[in-house]
Amino acid sequence: MDFEAGIRFIVFLVIFGVINYLMMLRRYEKDIKKKKYLQNEKISRLYPKGSFIF
């Protein structure tokens, strides 16, 4: 393997890693939003509209 091919391989690995990281970050953020939404839904079921707790 010559020097240029080694550099290309390293650049490929870095680019692939960055893309993979960004995809995982996006999925993580979506999962956090989904969990917050589901948590709010569960809380709203416990306290229906029109009820007031002292």
N, C-alpha and C. Protein backbone atom coordinates (compact mmCIF):
# COMPACT_ATOMS: atom_id res chain seq x y z
N MET A 1 0.86 -1.17 0.00
CA MET A 1 0.00 0.00 0.00
C MET A 1 0.90 1.24 0.00
N ASP A 2 0.69 2.11 -0.95
CA ASP A 2 1.52 3.31 -0.98
C ASP A 2 0.96 4.38 -0.05
N PHE A 3 1.72 5.44 0.06
CA PHE A 3 1.40 6.50 1.02
C PHE A 3 0.06 7.17 0.70
N GLU A 4 -0.18 7.44 -0.58
CA GLU A 4 -1.41 8.13 -0.98
C GLU A 4 -2.65 7.28 -0.65
N ALA A 5 -2.57 5.98 -0.88
CA ALA A 5 -3.70 5.11 -0.57
C ALA A 5 -3.95 5.07 0.94
N GLY A 6 -2.90 5.10 1.74
CA GLY A 6 -3.06 5.12 3.19
C GLY A 6 -3.76 6.38 3.65
N ILE A 7 -3.36 7.52 3.08
CA ILE A 7 -4.00 8.80 3.44
C ILE A 7 -5.47 8.79 3.03
N ARG A 8 -5.77 8.29 1.83
CA ARG A 8 -7.17 8.22 1.38
C ARG A 8 -8.00 7.35 2.32
N PHE A 9 -7.43 6.24 2.75
CA PHE A 9 -8.14 5.34 3.66
C PHE A 9 -8.43 6.03 4.99
N ILE A 10 -7.46 6.74 5.52
CA ILE A 10 -7.66 7.46 6.78
C ILE A 10 -8.73 8.54 6.63
N VAL A 11 -8.69 9.26 5.51
CA VAL A 11 -9.70 10.30 5.27
C VAL A 11 -11.09 9.66 5.15
N PHE A 12 -11.15 8.53 4.46
CA PHE A 12 -12.43 7.82 4.34
C PHE A 12 -12.96 7.43 5.70
N LEU A 13 -12.11 6.89 6.56
CA LEU A 13 -12.55 6.48 7.89
C LEU A 13 -13.04 7.67 8.70
N VAL A 14 -12.36 8.80 8.60
CA VAL A 14 -12.78 10.00 9.35
C VAL A 14 -14.14 10.48 8.85
N ILE A 15 -14.31 10.55 7.53
CA ILE A 15 -15.59 11.02 6.98
C ILE A 15 -16.71 10.06 7.36
N PHE A 16 -16.45 8.76 7.25
CA PHE A 16 -17.46 7.77 7.62
C PHE A 16 -17.82 7.89 9.10
N GLY A 17 -16.85 8.11 9.94
CA GLY A 17 -17.10 8.26 11.38
C GLY A 17 -17.92 9.48 11.70
N VAL A 18 -17.62 10.59 11.02
CA VAL A 18 -18.37 11.83 11.27
C VAL A 18 -19.83 11.67 10.84
N ILE A 19 -20.04 11.06 9.67
CA ILE A 19 -21.41 10.86 9.19
C ILE A 19 -22.18 9.94 10.15
N ASN A 20 -21.53 8.88 10.59
CA ASN A 20 -22.17 7.96 11.54
C ASN A 20 -22.52 8.66 12.85
N TYR A 21 -21.61 9.50 13.35
CA TYR A 21 -21.85 10.24 14.59
C TYR A 21 -23.04 11.17 14.44
N LEU A 22 -23.12 11.89 13.31
CA LEU A 22 -24.22 12.83 13.11
C LEU A 22 -25.56 12.10 13.01
N MET A 23 -25.57 10.93 12.36
CA MET A 23 -26.81 10.17 12.28
C MET A 23 -27.25 9.68 13.66
N MET A 24 -26.31 9.21 14.45
CA MET A 24 -26.65 8.75 15.80
C MET A 24 -27.13 9.91 16.67
N LEU A 25 -26.52 11.07 16.52
CA LEU A 25 -26.92 12.25 17.28
C LEU A 25 -28.34 12.66 16.94
N ARG A 26 -28.67 12.62 15.65
CA ARG A 26 -30.03 12.96 15.24
C ARG A 26 -31.05 11.99 15.82
N ARG A 27 -30.72 10.71 15.78
CA ARG A 27 -31.64 9.71 16.33
C ARG A 27 -31.81 9.90 17.83
N TYR A 28 -30.71 10.20 18.52
CA TYR A 28 -30.77 10.42 19.97
C TYR A 28 -31.67 11.60 20.29
N GLU A 29 -31.54 12.69 19.52
CA GLU A 29 -32.38 13.86 19.77
C GLU A 29 -33.85 13.55 19.51
N LYS A 30 -34.13 12.76 18.47
CA LYS A 30 -35.52 12.38 18.20
C LYS A 30 -36.07 11.52 19.33
N ASP A 31 -35.26 10.60 19.84
CA ASP A 31 -35.70 9.74 20.94
C ASP A 31 -35.99 10.55 22.19
N ILE A 32 -35.17 11.56 22.47
CA ILE A 32 -35.40 12.43 23.64
C ILE A 32 -36.73 13.17 23.48
N LYS A 33 -36.99 13.71 22.29
CA LYS A 33 -38.27 14.41 22.06
C LYS A 33 -39.45 13.46 22.23
N LYS A 34 -39.29 12.24 21.72
CA LYS A 34 -40.37 11.26 21.82
C LYS A 34 -40.64 10.90 23.27
N LYS A 35 -39.58 10.72 24.07
CA LYS A 35 -39.76 10.39 25.48
C LYS A 35 -40.45 11.52 26.23
N LYS A 36 -40.07 12.77 25.93
CA LYS A 36 -40.72 13.90 26.59
C LYS A 36 -42.20 13.97 26.23
N TYR A 37 -42.51 13.73 24.95
CA TYR A 37 -43.90 13.76 24.51
C TYR A 37 -44.71 12.68 25.21
N LEU A 38 -44.16 11.46 25.26
CA LEU A 38 -44.88 10.37 25.91
C LEU A 38 -45.05 10.62 27.40
N GLN A 39 -44.04 11.23 28.02
CA GLN A 39 -44.14 11.54 29.44
C GLN A 39 -45.26 12.56 29.67
N ASN A 40 -45.35 13.58 28.81
CA ASN A 40 -46.43 14.56 28.95
C ASN A 40 -47.79 13.93 28.73
N GLU A 41 -47.87 12.99 27.78
CA GLU A 41 -49.13 12.30 27.54
C GLU A 41 -49.56 11.50 28.77
N LYS A 42 -48.63 10.80 29.39
CA LYS A 42 -48.96 10.01 30.58
C LYS A 42 -49.40 10.91 31.73
N ILE A 43 -48.72 12.03 31.91
CA ILE A 43 -49.09 12.97 32.97
C ILE A 43 -50.47 13.55 32.70
N SER A 44 -50.76 13.88 31.43
CA SER A 44 -52.06 14.48 31.13
C SER A 44 -53.19 13.48 31.34
N ARG A 45 -52.92 12.19 31.22
CA ARG A 45 -53.95 11.19 31.51
C ARG A 45 -54.25 11.11 33.00
N LEU A 46 -53.25 11.39 33.82
CA LEU A 46 -53.47 11.33 35.26
C LEU A 46 -54.35 12.49 35.74
N TYR A 47 -54.19 13.65 35.09
CA TYR A 47 -54.94 14.83 35.49
C TYR A 47 -55.79 15.29 34.30
N PRO A 48 -57.01 14.77 34.17
CA PRO A 48 -57.86 15.15 33.03
C PRO A 48 -58.25 16.62 33.07
N LYS A 49 -58.68 17.13 31.91
CA LYS A 49 -59.09 18.53 31.83
C LYS A 49 -60.28 18.79 32.74
N GLY A 50 -60.28 19.96 33.36
CA GLY A 50 -61.39 20.34 34.22
C GLY A 50 -61.19 19.95 35.66
N SER A 51 -60.19 19.13 35.96
CA SER A 51 -59.95 18.78 37.35
C SER A 51 -58.90 19.73 37.92
N PHE A 52 -59.04 20.03 39.17
CA PHE A 52 -58.10 20.93 39.83
C PHE A 52 -57.70 20.30 41.15
N ILE A 53 -56.42 20.21 41.39
CA ILE A 53 -55.91 19.57 42.61
C ILE A 53 -55.25 20.65 43.48
N PHE A 54 -55.61 20.67 44.75
CA PHE A 54 -55.05 21.67 45.66
C PHE A 54 -53.67 21.30 46.09
